[in-house]
Structure formats: C-alpha cells, structure tokens
Amino acid sequence: MLNVIRSVVHGLWMGASLAVWATLVIVASFFTRGAPLYWLAVWWLRGCVNSARWILGMRVRVTGMEHLPPGDGSPAVLLVKHQSTFETFLMPTLMPHPLAYVFKRELLQVPFFGWAMRRLDMVHIDRSQRAQAFNKVVEQGQRLLAQGIWVIMFPEGTRIPRGEVGNYKTGGTRLAIATGAPVIPIAVTSAKCWPRKALIKRPGIVDVSIGQPIPSEGREADELMREVQVWIESEMRRLDPEAYPAVDLSAQAQADEPVSATRP
C-alpha cells in the first residue's frame, strides 16, 4: 500500500511540474536557444530524478564515468539499455555534455512534454520513411556532434521488460561509423524499481554502468552492434543476475543479429 501511495504522489508531482516546466521552456525558447535552453530542461529532469529518490525511494548508483570521452569537443554516440521511462530522465542529469535524443516524431504530440521537446535541439524522425529517417539522423547527428552535443539512442527501440533482450537495431552504430564518433555502451537496471508501463514503482537501487568507448572507424555496423549488445547484456546480467536465465550471450547476439535495414 505504501508503494501505491508513493507512486500516486509522485505521479501527481510529475504532472503538475511538467506543465510548469514545459511552459517555461516554451516561453524561454523565444529568447534563447541551444545550451541555455537545454540546461533549463535538465533542471526539470533533475527534479524528476530527485523526486524519485525522495518520494519513491529510488536511488541511483553510477559506475564508469571515467570512461566518458574528455574535452568539450569529443564526440560520442551513447547506446543505452532501455527498460523504463526513468533512464530518459536520468541520462541528461549525468552527462557533462548536452544530449540529443533520437525519437519518433509522434512524441511531439504529447501535451506539454512534446511541445517543450519540439523547442529543443533533438532529432525526431518519421519511422515510416525509413531511408529518409536515417539520412536525417546522419545529417543532424553530424551537425550536433560537431557542436559538442552527444547523440543518445536506445538500440532496442522500445522499453524492454526486465530480464528480456530486445532486437538491437544498427541505427546507432551506423551513425557512429558515418560520423567517426566512438560508441559508449550503457547498461541500466531501471526496471527493478520502475517497470515498463507500470503505474506502481518500488524503492531500490538503479545501477548505471558506463562502458569504455568503442571506436567506430573501419567497423561494420552489424558487427559493431553485436559487440555493443554483448557488452550491455553481459553487464545487465552482472548488475541484475536474478532477472536473467543463464545463456550464451555471444551466441544470442549472433542469433539476434541487428537489423541492418535503413530504419534507425
């Protein structure tokens, strides 16, 4: 019952604060853009992460920050395990660089949240236009990476239930190869506390493990994504062993070979 009460209170806080935050971002966007507007948006995201700790009892434990590329001009493509909404809020609060999410344009229609996202420098794509969508990702990704903005993608494409493995698509590795940026694999155990599509959240620790940069020069997208998948899924089993059966991850990555079609 306590978790139900906590989740309801947290949901009410999120809804009320979202309306205020989105209005601030939209109004501010008429006077400033770029980094100042981005960090204003992160201010609300940080409030979401803090409220999850204060209200829900969710704590975050991060390892591997030393693996992030140093310097203001160092490019990176972040490929992140996707289990819940929580990591979409969390990642910008952890990273020293502004992030640009690649997401489906339908999210722009979500009241307040989508309206505010439209004012930020993100990459929103039409998944029905596959070739054009990837061309847009590369074109905007090159521009953003040149500005010191890191591109973040969820290679599984959607939230995956705890203990399961999604279909790792190659959009992120193809972008990295096209731009010469290294890939940063990241494992996140958010579903332990904030399960996919769950209304009730639980207290606990969300582990975030940041892997070493993987160079993209001279690599094939499928082969590079298999390496990313094996690292992330191996790390997920290390961080949350009770959620996964014992399997050969290398064999599974071969069997679940990433889709190399033109959709990100």
Foldseek 3Di string as FASTA:
>chain_A
DLLLVLLVVLVVVCVVVLQVLLVVLVVCLVPDADPVSLVSNLVVLVVSVVSCCVRFQEAEDEPDPVQDDDDQLAEEEEAEAAFACNVVSVVCVPDPAAEAEEEALVCLPPPSVNVSNVSHLHHHAHQVPQQVSLVSCLVSVLVQSRNSYYYYYHQLRHHDFFADDGQGALSRLVSCQSNFHWYKYKAWPLCVFGGYPDSGGHHDYIYIYIDHTHTNHPDDSQVVSLVSQLVRVVVSCVVPVVSYDDDDSSVVCVVSGHDHDRHD
